[in-house]
């Protein structure tokens, strides 16, 4: 998805974000984005673990 941006595009995006949000708000936005991404990954991992445990339980039932 972001492989076509390149260094100049990334610099442009960061410069625009700095202009739009300002230097005081940008770290807060980054922190909130990081926490959101962390929670998403945690939820995905928990969901995957639940599904895998259900599959394992079904396999055990079928082998008995």
Protein backbone atom coordinates (compact mmCIF):
# COMPACT_ATOMS: atom_id res chain seq x y z
CA UNK A 1 0.00 0.00 0.00
CA UNK A 2 2.69 2.51 0.98
CA UNK A 3 5.39 1.03 -1.23
CA UNK A 4 4.76 3.54 -4.02
CA UNK A 5 5.11 6.66 -1.87
CA UNK A 6 8.88 6.92 -1.70
CA UNK A 7 11.01 9.32 0.32
CA UNK A 8 9.87 12.57 -1.39
CA UNK A 9 6.21 11.65 -0.93
CA UNK A 10 6.75 10.75 2.71
CA UNK A 11 8.51 14.08 3.36
CA UNK A 12 5.64 15.91 1.67
CA UNK A 13 3.05 14.10 3.78
CA UNK A 14 4.95 14.79 7.02
CA UNK A 15 5.40 18.46 6.08
CA UNK A 16 1.69 18.84 5.34
CA UNK A 17 0.77 17.13 8.61
CA UNK A 18 3.11 19.47 10.49
CA UNK A 19 1.56 22.52 8.81
CA UNK A 20 -2.03 21.37 9.34
CA UNK A 21 -1.79 20.08 12.90
CA UNK A 22 1.14 22.05 14.27
CA UNK A 23 4.15 20.88 16.27
CA UNK A 24 2.26 20.59 19.57
CA UNK A 25 -0.60 18.43 18.29
CA UNK A 26 1.43 16.09 16.07
CA UNK A 27 2.97 13.98 18.90
CA UNK A 28 -0.48 13.53 20.45
CA UNK A 29 -1.89 12.33 17.14
CA UNK A 30 1.04 9.93 16.71
CA UNK A 31 0.60 8.57 20.22
CA UNK A 32 -3.13 8.05 19.71
CA UNK A 33 -2.49 6.32 16.40
CA UNK A 34 0.10 4.05 18.03
CA UNK A 35 -2.26 3.10 20.85
CA UNK A 36 -5.06 2.40 18.38
CA UNK A 37 -2.78 0.19 16.32
CA UNK A 38 -1.61 -1.63 19.45
CA UNK A 39 -5.20 -2.33 20.54
CA UNK A 40 -6.12 -3.51 17.05
CA UNK A 41 -3.21 -5.94 16.98
CA UNK A 42 -4.09 -7.20 20.47
CA UNK A 43 -7.72 -7.78 19.51
CA UNK A 44 -6.70 -9.55 16.31
CA UNK A 45 -4.32 -11.79 18.22
CA UNK A 46 -7.00 -12.65 20.81
CA UNK A 47 -9.54 -13.42 18.09
CA UNK A 48 -7.07 -15.64 16.27
CA UNK A 49 -6.21 -17.48 19.49
CA UNK A 50 -9.92 -18.05 20.22
CA UNK A 51 -10.58 -19.41 16.75
CA UNK A 52 -7.53 -21.68 16.89
CA UNK A 53 -8.56 -23.05 20.30
CA UNK A 54 -12.06 -23.75 18.97
CA UNK A 55 -10.57 -25.58 16.00
CA UNK A 56 -8.35 -27.62 18.30
CA UNK A 57 -11.33 -28.50 20.49
CA UNK A 58 -13.30 -29.67 17.45
CA UNK A 59 -10.37 -31.79 16.26
CA UNK A 60 -10.15 -33.44 19.68
CA UNK A 61 -13.88 -34.19 19.64
CA UNK A 62 -13.63 -35.76 16.20
CA UNK A 63 -10.69 -37.99 17.12
CA UNK A 64 -12.42 -39.44 20.20
